[in-house]
Amino acid sequence: MTYQTGIMAPAGLSPESFRQFAAEVERSGFAELWVPEDCFLNGGIAQAAVALAVTSRIEVGIGIIPAAARNVAFAAMDLSFLASAFPGRLMIGVGHGMAGWLRQVGVWPASPLTLLAEYLDALRALLAGQVVTRHGRYVRLDGVQLAHPPAVTPRVLAGVRGPKSLALAGQHADGLILAEPVTPAYLQFVRAQLPSAGDPLIAAYNIAAVRDDQQQAREQVRDALWWAGDPAWAPELAPLPFAAELASMRRSAGSAAEFTRQLPGEWIDQLALTGPPSVVRARLAELHAAGAQHLILAPVGRDPIGELSQLARVL
């Protein structure tokens, strides 16, 4: 199986800009568009609905819905409607979400792992048209069945990163969504946490900039790497040979801007996909060989729509 190349929509696009962005992703030749749900910007299900409506070919992935944010039955109603209206074009990502954001709205669970397992099982059963009864710690359903389950059941992926969550996803989801940066070494780590049987679907996000000049591409993504070294990204960064040094640099930097200014170019090339089309294509091939089938590029900069024409040079 060859890989699919997709685009991640920047978080927080205005509704007008988002419509234009989604249409341009399809016109540029990409196979997929993935939409985030970052607090407190744009809702993932709403964005997916718009993206599906203004396109005719591409698949649209939601990456991700925090499990604690929506009752699973009501989420299934919305997702089932989209999957039925646009058969075979919806993929659904569910994860823990960011603890800080969910604490802001009072829904962070005492056991995120338990919630995610219960939620994934119930959502997949509902979308498959089953009558669902659950008496779990968090998910409680009594004879719930969708009136119009989709003819083509969408895949439900788990957006997770830690070892326990990855192992859980291998048992309760159809595949994985991995947040940036995804490297071949990180993919090896991920696959080691999964059950030995099967070949899970993996969607891998990476910040990307395609430029004929390598240094120009590095500078395009530099400011967008402010999160590198943050403890939340430790699982993705741990396989990198400079992980400890990077974390130390982040701790000693006075600000995120100062931290990104200090990043060596060679590190940037590992934290993002940068360079001429041939270089980025080679990186994509390495990621596919390491186990990722959906390779998602996240454009950065003030003109994300304009960036699509540059990124499309890798197709």
C-alpha atoms as a PDB file:
ATOM      1  CA  MET A   1       0.000   0.000   0.000  1.00  0.00           C
ATOM      2  CA  THR A   2       1.306   3.412  -0.939  1.00  0.00           C
ATOM      3  CA  TYR A   3       0.832   6.380   1.329  1.00  0.00           C
ATOM      4  CA  GLN A   4      -1.692   9.206   1.167  1.00  0.00           C
ATOM      5  CA  THR A   5      -0.459  12.774   1.449  1.00  0.00           C
ATOM      6  CA  GLY A   6      -2.726  15.213   3.264  1.00  0.00           C
ATOM      7  CA  ILE A   7      -2.808  18.680   4.743  1.00  0.00           C
ATOM      8  CA  MET A   8      -3.528  19.841   8.283  1.00  0.00           C
ATOM      9  CA  ALA A   9      -5.679  22.959   8.407  1.00  0.00           C
ATOM     10  CA  PRO A  10      -4.150  25.668  10.604  1.00  0.00           C
ATOM     11  CA  ALA A  11      -6.101  26.115  13.814  1.00  0.00           C
ATOM     12  CA  GLY A  12      -8.223  29.225  14.051  1.00  0.00           C
ATOM     13  CA  LEU A  13      -8.834  30.049  10.394  1.00  0.00           C
ATOM     14  CA  SER A  14     -11.843  32.308   9.939  1.00  0.00           C
ATOM     15  CA  PRO A  15     -14.893  30.561   8.432  1.00  0.00           C
ATOM     16  CA  GLU A  16     -14.382  32.401   5.141  1.00  0.00           C
ATOM     17  CA  SER A  17     -10.688  31.539   4.970  1.00  0.00           C
ATOM     18  CA  PHE A  18     -11.368  27.944   5.970  1.00  0.00           C
ATOM     19  CA  ARG A  19     -13.775  27.406   3.075  1.00  0.00           C
ATOM     20  CA  GLN A  20     -11.193  28.737   0.648  1.00  0.00           C
ATOM     21  CA  PHE A  21      -8.413  26.699   2.266  1.00  0.00           C
ATOM     22  CA  ALA A  22     -10.364  23.426   2.067  1.00  0.00           C
ATOM     23  CA  ALA A  23     -11.257  23.965  -1.581  1.00  0.00           C
ATOM     24  CA  GLU A  24      -7.637  24.803  -2.418  1.00  0.00           C
ATOM     25  CA  VAL A  25      -6.373  21.624  -0.692  1.00  0.00           C
ATOM     26  CA  GLU A  26      -8.458  19.606  -3.130  1.00  0.00           C
ATOM     27  CA  ARG A  27      -7.510  21.726  -6.146  1.00  0.00           C
ATOM     28  CA  SER A  28      -3.824  21.309  -5.239  1.00  0.00           C
ATOM     29  CA  GLY A  29      -4.089  17.539  -5.583  1.00  0.00           C
ATOM     30  CA  PHE A  30      -3.852  16.379  -1.984  1.00  0.00           C
ATOM     31  CA  ALA A  31      -5.771  13.277  -0.944  1.00  0.00           C
ATOM     32  CA  GLU A  32      -6.833  14.403   2.543  1.00  0.00           C
ATOM     33  CA  LEU A  33      -7.575  17.394   4.750  1.00  0.00           C
ATOM     34  CA  TRP A  34      -7.323  17.063   8.515  1.00  0.00           C
ATOM     35  CA  VAL A  35      -8.953  19.569  10.858  1.00  0.00           C
ATOM     36  CA  PRO A  36      -7.905  20.207  14.464  1.00  0.00           C
ATOM     37  CA  GLU A  37     -10.050  21.058  17.453  1.00  0.00           C
ATOM     38  CA  ASP A  38      -7.937  23.402  19.571  1.00  0.00           C
ATOM     39  CA  CYS A  39      -9.517  25.356  22.400  1.00  0.00           C
ATOM     40  CA  PHE A  40     -11.035  27.764  21.962  1.00  0.00           C
ATOM     41  CA  LEU A  41     -10.924  28.170  18.213  1.00  0.00           C
ATOM     42  CA  ASN A  42     -12.949  26.107  15.718  1.00  0.00           C
ATOM     43  CA  GLY A  43     -14.937  22.933  16.353  1.00  0.00           C
ATOM     44  CA  GLY A  44     -13.683  19.821  14.618  1.00  0.00           C
ATOM     45  CA  ILE A  45     -17.062  18.443  13.535  1.00  0.00           C
ATOM     46  CA  ALA A  46     -18.203  21.820  12.190  1.00  0.00           C
ATOM     47  CA  GLN A  47     -14.993  22.251  10.204  1.00  0.00           C
ATOM     48  CA  ALA A  48     -15.271  18.729   8.806  1.00  0.00           C
ATOM     49  CA  ALA A  49     -18.833  19.436   7.668  1.00  0.00           C
ATOM     50  CA  VAL A  50     -17.774  22.577   5.808  1.00  0.00           C
ATOM     51  CA  ALA A  51     -14.735  20.886   4.273  1.00  0.00           C
ATOM     52  CA  LEU A  52     -16.810  17.966   3.000  1.00  0.00           C
ATOM     53  CA  ALA A  53     -19.429  20.332   1.587  1.00  0.00           C
ATOM     54  CA  VAL A  54     -16.990  22.490  -0.404  1.00  0.00           C
ATOM     55  CA  THR A  55     -15.026  19.547  -1.833  1.00  0.00           C
ATOM     56  CA  SER A  56     -15.993  16.474  -3.833  1.00  0.00           C
ATOM     57  CA  ARG A  57     -13.069  14.055  -3.707  1.00  0.00           C
ATOM     58  CA  ILE A  58     -10.778  14.334  -0.696  1.00  0.00           C
ATOM     59  CA  GLU A  59     -11.170  12.518   2.579  1.00  0.00           C
ATOM     60  CA  VAL A  60     -11.589  14.697   5.652  1.00  0.00           C
ATOM     61  CA  GLY A  61     -10.175  13.673   9.003  1.00  0.00           C
ATOM     62  CA  ILE A  62     -11.049  15.131  12.389  1.00  0.00           C
ATOM     63  CA  GLY A  63      -7.930  15.206  14.494  1.00  0.00           C
ATOM     64  CA  ILE A  64      -8.961  15.161  17.285  1.00  0.00           C
ATOM     65  CA  ILE A  65     -12.151  15.292  19.337  1.00  0.00           C
ATOM     66  CA  PRO A  66     -11.391  15.218  23.086  1.00  0.00           C
ATOM     67  CA  ALA A  67     -13.372  12.313  24.526  1.00  0.00           C
ATOM     68  CA  ALA A  68     -14.361  14.254  27.635  1.00  0.00           C
ATOM     69  CA  ALA A  69     -15.817  17.172  25.676  1.00  0.00           C
ATOM     70  CA  ARG A  70     -18.877  15.501  24.096  1.00  0.00           C
ATOM     71  CA  ASN A  71     -21.390  12.888  25.117  1.00  0.00           C
ATOM     72  CA  VAL A  72     -20.591   9.922  22.912  1.00  0.00           C
ATOM     73  CA  ALA A  73     -24.162   9.353  21.733  1.00  0.00           C
ATOM     74  CA  PHE A  74     -24.626  12.954  20.610  1.00  0.00           C
ATOM     75  CA  ALA A  75     -21.194  12.982  18.966  1.00  0.00           C
ATOM     76  CA  ALA A  76     -22.171   9.798  17.130  1.00  0.00           C
ATOM     77  CA  MET A  77     -25.342  11.464  15.842  1.00  0.00           C
ATOM     78  CA  ASP A  78     -23.365  14.287  14.219  1.00  0.00           C
ATOM     79  CA  LEU A  79     -20.610  12.043  12.931  1.00  0.00           C
ATOM     80  CA  SER A  80     -23.056   9.490  11.547  1.00  0.00           C
ATOM     81  CA  PHE A  81     -24.897  12.201   9.641  1.00  0.00           C
ATOM     82  CA  LEU A  82     -21.659  13.419   8.045  1.00  0.00           C
ATOM     83  CA  ALA A  83     -20.528   9.889   7.222  1.00  0.00           C
ATOM     84  CA  SER A  84     -23.890   9.157   5.595  1.00  0.00           C
ATOM     85  CA  ALA A  85     -24.013  12.418   3.658  1.00  0.00           C
ATOM     86  CA  PHE A  86     -20.447  11.949   2.366  1.00  0.00           C
ATOM     87  CA  PRO A  87     -19.890   8.166   2.226  1.00  0.00           C
ATOM     88  CA  GLY A  88     -16.321   6.980   2.532  1.00  0.00           C
ATOM     89  CA  ARG A  89     -14.889  10.479   2.983  1.00  0.00           C
ATOM     90  CA  LEU A  90     -14.823  10.921   6.781  1.00  0.00           C
ATOM     91  CA  MET A  91     -12.202   9.771   9.267  1.00  0.00           C
ATOM     92  CA  ILE A  92     -12.633  10.434  12.983  1.00  0.00           C
ATOM     93  CA  GLY A  93      -9.923  11.051  15.543  1.00  0.00           C
ATOM     94  CA  VAL A  94     -10.605  10.848  19.270  1.00  0.00           C
ATOM     95  CA  GLY A  95      -8.112  11.427  22.052  1.00  0.00           C
ATOM     96  CA  HIS A  96      -7.574  12.622  25.590  1.00  0.00           C
ATOM     97  CA  GLY A  97      -7.222  16.263  24.580  1.00  0.00           C
ATOM     98  CA  MET A  98      -4.950  18.747  26.328  1.00  0.00           C
ATOM     99  CA  ALA A  99      -5.381  18.557  30.079  1.00  0.00           C
ATOM    100  CA  GLY A 100      -5.027  22.297  30.630  1.00  0.00           C
ATOM    101  CA  TRP A 101      -7.775  23.187  28.187  1.00  0.00           C
ATOM    102  CA  LEU A 102     -10.165  20.549  29.480  1.00  0.00           C
ATOM    103  CA  ARG A 103      -9.565  21.616  33.067  1.00  0.00           C
ATOM    104  CA  GLN A 104     -10.551  25.141  31.991  1.00  0.00           C
ATOM    105  CA  VAL A 105     -13.995  23.841  31.102  1.00  0.00           C
ATOM    106  CA  GLY A 106     -14.246  21.428  34.011  1.00  0.00           C
ATOM    107  CA  VAL A 107     -14.284  18.099  32.167  1.00  0.00           C
ATOM    108  CA  TRP A 108     -10.821  16.562  32.655  1.00  0.00           C
ATOM    109  CA  PRO A 109     -11.507  13.018  33.938  1.00  0.00           C
ATOM    110  CA  ALA A 110      -9.890  11.316  36.900  1.00  0.00           C
ATOM    111  CA  SER A 111      -8.927   8.424  34.603  1.00  0.00           C
ATOM    112  CA  PRO A 112      -8.323   9.581  31.008  1.00  0.00           C
ATOM    113  CA  LEU A 113      -7.373   6.060  29.940  1.00  0.00           C
ATOM    114  CA  THR A 114     -10.622   4.536  31.187  1.00  0.00           C
ATOM    115  CA  LEU A 115     -12.687   7.250  29.540  1.00  0.00           C
ATOM    116  CA  LEU A 116     -10.941   6.895  26.181  1.00  0.00           C
ATOM    117  CA  ALA A 117     -11.318   3.107  26.084  1.00  0.00           C
ATOM    118  CA  GLU A 118     -15.019   3.303  26.952  1.00  0.00           C
ATOM    119  CA  TYR A 119     -15.602   6.139  24.487  1.00  0.00           C
ATOM    120  CA  LEU A 120     -13.854   4.459  21.553  1.00  0.00           C
ATOM    121  CA  ASP A 121     -15.721   1.198  22.066  1.00  0.00           C
ATOM    122  CA  ALA A 122     -19.098   2.918  22.320  1.00  0.00           C
ATOM    123  CA  LEU A 123     -18.531   5.264  19.374  1.00  0.00           C
ATOM    124  CA  ARG A 124     -17.419   2.498  17.052  1.00  0.00           C
ATOM    125  CA  ALA A 125     -20.376   0.330  18.060  1.00  0.00           C
ATOM    126  CA  LEU A 126     -22.860   3.158  17.516  1.00  0.00           C
ATOM    127  CA  LEU A 127     -21.440   4.041  14.094  1.00  0.00           C
ATOM    128  CA  ALA A 128     -21.679   0.349  13.146  1.00  0.00           C
ATOM    129  CA  GLY A 129     -25.431   0.476  13.817  1.00  0.00           C
ATOM    130  CA  GLN A 130     -25.420  -1.633  16.955  1.00  0.00           C
ATOM    131  CA  VAL A 131     -27.794  -1.320  19.893  1.00  0.00           C
ATOM    132  CA  VAL A 132     -25.415  -0.147  22.588  1.00  0.00           C
ATOM    133  CA  THR A 133     -25.752  -0.614  26.326  1.00  0.00           C
ATOM    134  CA  ARG A 134     -22.806   0.343  28.490  1.00  0.00           C
ATOM    135  CA  HIS A 135     -22.507   0.771  32.236  1.00  0.00           C
ATOM    136  CA  GLY A 136     -18.959   2.038  32.453  1.00  0.00           C
ATOM    137  CA  ARG A 137     -17.272   4.488  34.750  1.00  0.00           C
ATOM    138  CA  TYR A 138     -17.822   7.335  32.262  1.00  0.00           C
ATOM    139  CA  VAL A 139     -19.884   6.022  29.348  1.00  0.00           C
ATOM    140  CA  ARG A 140     -23.404   5.012  30.314  1.00  0.00           C
ATOM    141  CA  LEU A 141     -25.817   4.091  27.538  1.00  0.00           C
ATOM    142  CA  ASP A 142     -29.068   2.150  27.774  1.00  0.00           C
ATOM    143  CA  GLY A 143     -30.260   0.613  24.523  1.00  0.00           C
ATOM    144  CA  VAL A 144     -28.992   3.454  22.322  1.00  0.00           C
ATOM    145  CA  GLN A 145     -29.069   2.934  18.548  1.00  0.00           C
ATOM    146  CA  LEU A 146     -28.674   5.449  15.745  1.00  0.00           C
ATOM    147  CA  ALA A 147     -31.719   5.767  13.512  1.00  0.00           C
ATOM    148  CA  HIS A 148     -29.594   6.215  10.390  1.00  0.00           C
ATOM    149  CA  PRO A 149     -26.166   4.600  10.831  1.00  0.00           C
ATOM    150  CA  PRO A 150     -23.841   5.220   7.873  1.00  0.00           C
ATOM    151  CA  ALA A 151     -23.663   2.641   5.099  1.00  0.00           C
ATOM    152  CA  VAL A 152     -19.888   3.101   5.056  1.00  0.00           C
ATOM    153  CA  THR A 153     -18.649   3.004   8.641  1.00  0.00           C
ATOM    154  CA  PRO A 154     -15.938   5.643   9.160  1.00  0.00           C
ATOM    155  CA  ARG A 155     -12.664   4.641  10.730  1.00  0.00           C
ATOM    156  CA  VAL A 156     -12.156   5.832  14.289  1.00  0.00           C
ATOM    157  CA  LEU A 157      -8.538   6.612  15.143  1.00  0.00           C
ATOM    158  CA  ALA A 158      -7.022   7.401  18.520  1.00  0.00           C
ATOM    159  CA  GLY A 159      -4.935  10.557  18.821  1.00  0.00           C
ATOM    160  CA  VAL A 160      -2.548   9.549  21.615  1.00  0.00           C
ATOM    161  CA  ARG A 161       1.158   9.646  22.446  1.00  0.00           C
ATOM    162  CA  GLY A 162       2.210   7.894  25.690  1.00  0.00           C
ATOM    163  CA  PRO A 163       2.975   4.147  25.957  1.00  0.00           C
ATOM    164  CA  LYS A 164      -0.172   3.269  27.947  1.00  0.00           C
ATOM    165  CA  SER A 165      -2.408   5.253  25.602  1.00  0.00           C
ATOM    166  CA  LEU A 166      -0.789   3.712  22.530  1.00  0.00           C
ATOM    167  CA  ALA A 167      -1.333   0.208  23.905  1.00  0.00           C
ATOM    168  CA  LEU A 168      -4.963   1.102  24.628  1.00  0.00           C
ATOM    169  CA  ALA A 169      -5.441   2.467  21.113  1.00  0.00           C
ATOM    170  CA  GLY A 170      -4.131  -0.757  19.642  1.00  0.00           C
ATOM    171  CA  GLN A 171      -7.017  -2.591  21.299  1.00  0.00           C
ATOM    172  CA  HIS A 172      -9.882  -0.097  21.003  1.00  0.00           C
ATOM    173  CA  ALA A 173      -9.366   1.962  17.805  1.00  0.00           C
ATOM    174  CA  ASP A 174      -8.993   1.411  14.067  1.00  0.00           C
ATOM    175  CA  GLY A 175      -5.644   3.173  14.032  1.00  0.00           C
ATOM    176  CA  LEU A 176      -3.610   6.078  15.341  1.00  0.00           C
ATOM    177  CA  ILE A 177      -3.098   9.787  14.820  1.00  0.00           C
ATOM    178  CA  LEU A 178       0.388  10.881  15.849  1.00  0.00           C
ATOM    179  CA  ALA A 179       1.083  14.534  16.596  1.00  0.00           C
ATOM    180  CA  GLU A 180       4.111  16.284  15.181  1.00  0.00           C
ATOM    181  CA  PRO A 181       6.996  15.713  15.044  1.00  0.00           C
ATOM    182  CA  VAL A 182       6.797  12.162  13.721  1.00  0.00           C
ATOM    183  CA  THR A 183      10.145  10.613  12.847  1.00  0.00           C
ATOM    184  CA  PRO A 184      11.017   7.053  11.766  1.00  0.00           C
ATOM    185  CA  ALA A 185      12.465   6.471  15.245  1.00  0.00           C
ATOM    186  CA  TYR A 186       9.234   7.594  16.898  1.00  0.00           C
ATOM    187  CA  LEU A 187       7.231   5.318  14.598  1.00  0.00           C
ATOM    188  CA  GLN A 188       9.395   2.398  15.699  1.00  0.00           C
ATOM    189  CA  PHE A 189       8.684   3.305  19.323  1.00  0.00           C
ATOM    190  CA  VAL A 190       4.947   3.548  18.625  1.00  0.00           C
ATOM    191  CA  ARG A 191       4.746   0.212  16.862  1.00  0.00           C
ATOM    192  CA  ALA A 192       6.573  -1.452  19.752  1.00  0.00           C
ATOM    193  CA  GLN A 193       3.727  -0.428  22.082  1.00  0.00           C
ATOM    194  CA  LEU A 194       1.005  -1.960  19.901  1.00  0.00           C
ATOM    195  CA  PRO A 195      -0.283  -5.530  19.826  1.00  0.00           C
ATOM    196  CA  SER A 196       1.909  -7.698  17.609  1.00  0.00           C
ATOM    197  CA  ALA A 197      -0.982  -8.813  15.414  1.00  0.00           C
ATOM    198  CA  GLY A 198      -2.198  -6.635  12.570  1.00  0.00           C
ATOM    199  CA  ASP A 199      -0.887  -3.596  10.733  1.00  0.00           C
ATOM    200  CA  PRO A 200      -2.592  -0.523  12.205  1.00  0.00           C
ATOM    201  CA  LEU A 201      -3.508   2.514  10.163  1.00  0.00           C
ATOM    202  CA  ILE A 202      -1.255   5.401  11.222  1.00  0.00           C
ATOM    203  CA  ALA A 203      -1.693   9.069  10.344  1.00  0.00           C
ATOM    204  CA  ALA A 204       1.416  11.134  11.060  1.00  0.00           C
ATOM    205  CA  TYR A 205       1.485  14.919  11.359  1.00  0.00           C
ATOM    206  CA  ASN A 206       4.538  17.030  10.572  1.00  0.00           C
ATOM    207  CA  ILE A 207       5.115  20.746  10.157  1.00  0.00           C
ATOM    208  CA  ALA A 208       6.425  21.278   6.638  1.00  0.00           C
ATOM    209  CA  ALA A 209       7.943  23.890   4.364  1.00  0.00           C
ATOM    210  CA  VAL A 210       8.992  23.205   0.781  1.00  0.00           C
ATOM    211  CA  ARG A 211      11.606  25.590  -0.612  1.00  0.00           C
ATOM    212  CA  ASP A 212      14.433  25.065  -3.078  1.00  0.00           C
ATOM    213  CA  ASP A 213      16.765  26.660  -0.526  1.00  0.00           C
ATOM    214  CA  GLN A 214      17.139  24.496   2.606  1.00  0.00           C
ATOM    215  CA  GLN A 215      17.897  27.435   4.882  1.00  0.00           C
ATOM    216  CA  GLN A 216      14.853  29.332   3.663  1.00  0.00           C
ATOM    217  CA  ALA A 217      12.690  26.305   4.432  1.00  0.00           C
ATOM    218  CA  ARG A 218      14.159  26.086   7.929  1.00  0.00           C
ATOM    219  CA  GLU A 219      13.401  29.720   8.629  1.00  0.00           C
ATOM    220  CA  GLN A 220       9.851  29.251   7.387  1.00  0.00           C
ATOM    221  CA  VAL A 221       9.137  26.714  10.145  1.00  0.00           C
ATOM    222  CA  ARG A 222      11.413  28.007  12.923  1.00  0.00           C
ATOM    223  CA  ASP A 223       8.861  30.082  14.858  1.00  0.00           C
ATOM    224  CA  ALA A 224       6.302  27.269  14.615  1.00  0.00           C
ATOM    225  CA  LEU A 225       8.571  24.960  16.632  1.00  0.00           C
ATOM    226  CA  TRP A 226       8.057  26.852  19.904  1.00  0.00           C
ATOM    227  CA  TRP A 227       6.514  23.734  21.489  1.00  0.00           C
ATOM    228  CA  ALA A 228       9.630  21.597  21.063  1.00  0.00           C
ATOM    229  CA  GLY A 229      11.108  20.675  24.421  1.00  0.00           C
ATOM    230  CA  ASP A 230       7.819  21.090  26.265  1.00  0.00           C
ATOM    231  CA  PRO A 231       7.181  18.125  28.585  1.00  0.00           C
ATOM    232  CA  ALA A 232       3.926  17.335  26.783  1.00  0.00           C
ATOM    233  CA  TRP A 233       5.922  16.447  23.664  1.00  0.00           C
ATOM    234  CA  ALA A 234       8.401  14.194  25.478  1.00  0.00           C
ATOM    235  CA  PRO A 235       7.216  10.918  23.848  1.00  0.00           C
ATOM    236  CA  GLU A 236       7.676  12.252  20.305  1.00  0.00           C
ATOM    237  CA  LEU A 237      11.036  13.836  21.094  1.00  0.00           C
ATOM    238  CA  ALA A 238      12.562  11.080  23.242  1.00  0.00           C
ATOM    239  CA  PRO A 239      13.873   8.994  20.294  1.00  0.00           C
ATOM    240  CA  LEU A 240      15.837  11.961  18.908  1.00  0.00           C
ATOM    241  CA  PRO A 241      19.564  11.925  19.712  1.00  0.00           C
ATOM    242  CA  PHE A 242      19.445  15.547  20.872  1.00  0.00           C
ATOM    243  CA  ALA A 243      16.270  15.245  22.997  1.00  0.00           C
ATOM    244  CA  ALA A 244      17.951  15.947  26.348  1.00  0.00           C
ATOM    245  CA  GLU A 245      19.927  18.869  24.962  1.00  0.00           C
ATOM    246  CA  LEU A 246      16.811  20.322  23.377  1.00  0.00           C
ATOM    247  CA  ALA A 247      14.855  20.099  26.644  1.00  0.00           C
ATOM    248  CA  SER A 248      17.724  21.796  28.484  1.00  0.00           C
ATOM    249  CA  MET A 249      17.790  24.580  25.901  1.00  0.00           C
ATOM    250  CA  ARG A 250      14.070  25.130  26.356  1.00  0.00           C
ATOM    251  CA  ARG A 251      14.390  25.339  30.147  1.00  0.00           C
ATOM    252  CA  SER A 252      17.199  27.880  29.975  1.00  0.00           C
ATOM    253  CA  ALA A 253      15.609  30.067  27.285  1.00  0.00           C
ATOM    254  CA  GLY A 254      13.923  33.200  28.562  1.00  0.00           C
ATOM    255  CA  SER A 255      11.028  32.904  26.101  1.00  0.00           C
ATOM    256  CA  ALA A 256       9.664  30.724  23.353  1.00  0.00           C
ATOM    257  CA  ALA A 257      10.985  33.190  20.782  1.00  0.00           C
ATOM    258  CA  GLU A 258      14.476  33.022  22.258  1.00  0.00           C
ATOM    259  CA  PHE A 259      14.279  29.226  22.269  1.00  0.00           C
ATOM    260  CA  THR A 260      13.332  28.970  18.585  1.00  0.00           C
ATOM    261  CA  ARG A 261      16.063  31.434  17.603  1.00  0.00           C
ATOM    262  CA  GLN A 262      18.626  29.085  19.173  1.00  0.00           C
ATOM    263  CA  LEU A 263      17.498  25.926  17.362  1.00  0.00           C
ATOM    264  CA  PRO A 264      20.292  24.583  15.121  1.00  0.00           C
ATOM    265  CA  GLY A 265      19.322  24.032  11.520  1.00  0.00           C
ATOM    266  CA  GLU A 266      20.109  20.312  11.756  1.00  0.00           C
ATOM    267  CA  TRP A 267      17.602  19.963  14.586  1.00  0.00           C
ATOM    268  CA  ILE A 268      14.951  21.827  12.629  1.00  0.00           C
ATOM    269  CA  ASP A 269      15.389  19.339   9.795  1.00  0.00           C
ATOM    270  CA  GLN A 270      14.431  16.547  12.231  1.00  0.00           C
ATOM    271  CA  LEU A 271      11.561  18.427  13.885  1.00  0.00           C
ATOM    272  CA  ALA A 272       9.895  19.331  10.576  1.00  0.00           C
ATOM    273  CA  LEU A 273       9.886  18.346   6.907  1.00  0.00           C
ATOM    274  CA  THR A 274      11.939  21.030   5.189  1.00  0.00           C
ATOM    275  CA  GLY A 275      13.771  21.600   1.950  1.00  0.00           C
ATOM    276  CA  PRO A 276      13.380  21.059  -1.790  1.00  0.00           C
ATOM    277  CA  PRO A 277      10.651  18.730  -3.052  1.00  0.00           C
ATOM    278  CA  SER A 278      13.082  15.842  -3.564  1.00  0.00           C
ATOM    279  CA  VAL A 279      14.293  16.077   0.042  1.00  0.00           C
ATOM    280  CA  VAL A 280      10.792  16.205   1.490  1.00  0.00           C
ATOM    281  CA  ARG A 281       9.665  13.321  -0.728  1.00  0.00           C
ATOM    282  CA  ALA A 282      12.559  11.260   0.574  1.00  0.00           C
ATOM    283  CA  ARG A 283      11.511  12.054   4.170  1.00  0.00           C
ATOM    284  CA  LEU A 284       7.947  11.030   3.378  1.00  0.00           C
ATOM    285  CA  ALA A 285       9.163   7.745   1.912  1.00  0.00           C
ATOM    286  CA  GLU A 286      11.151   7.065   5.101  1.00  0.00           C
ATOM    287  CA  LEU A 287       8.069   7.681   7.242  1.00  0.00           C
ATOM    288  CA  HIS A 288       5.993   5.386   5.066  1.00  0.00           C
ATOM    289  CA  ALA A 289       8.632   2.666   5.249  1.00  0.00           C
ATOM    290  CA  ALA A 290       8.568   3.018   9.050  1.00  0.00           C
ATOM    291  CA  GLY A 291       4.823   2.354   9.151  1.00  0.00           C
ATOM    292  CA  ALA A 292       2.800   5.526   8.468  1.00  0.00           C
ATOM    293  CA  GLN A 293       0.214   5.319   5.675  1.00  0.00           C
ATOM    294  CA  HIS A 294      -1.270   8.821   5.974  1.00  0.00           C
ATOM    295  CA  LEU A 295       1.364  11.573   5.918  1.00  0.00           C
ATOM    296  CA  ILE A 296      -0.055  14.930   6.896  1.00  0.00           C
ATOM    297  CA  LEU A 297       1.752  18.210   6.207  1.00  0.00           C
ATOM    298  CA  ALA A 298       1.032  21.249   8.376  1.00  0.00           C
ATOM    299  CA  PRO A 299       1.694  24.545   6.573  1.00  0.00           C
ATOM    300  CA  VAL A 300       2.992  27.486   8.587  1.00  0.00           C
ATOM    301  CA  GLY A 301       3.302  31.209   8.010  1.00  0.00           C
ATOM    302  CA  ARG A 302       1.021  34.159   7.390  1.00  0.00           C
ATOM    303  CA  ASP A 303      -0.358  32.812   4.104  1.00  0.00           C
ATOM    304  CA  PRO A 304      -1.362  29.162   4.615  1.00  0.00           C
ATOM    305  CA  ILE A 305      -3.327  29.104   1.356  1.00  0.00           C
ATOM    306  CA  GLY A 306      -0.279  30.325  -0.524  1.00  0.00           C
ATOM    307  CA  GLU A 307       1.828  27.644   1.151  1.00  0.00           C
ATOM    308  CA  LEU A 308      -0.310  24.929  -0.428  1.00  0.00           C
ATOM    309  CA  SER A 309       1.198  25.567  -3.861  1.00  0.00           C
ATOM    310  CA  GLN A 310       4.673  25.054  -2.396  1.00  0.00           C
ATOM    311  CA  LEU A 311       3.720  21.903  -0.496  1.00  0.00           C
ATOM    312  CA  ALA A 312       1.981  20.476  -3.574  1.00  0.00           C
ATOM    313  CA  ARG A 313       5.386  20.301  -5.274  1.00  0.00           C
ATOM    314  CA  VAL A 314       6.033  17.072  -3.359  1.00  0.00           C
ATOM    315  CA  LEU A 315       3.078  15.308  -4.999  1.00  0.00           C
END
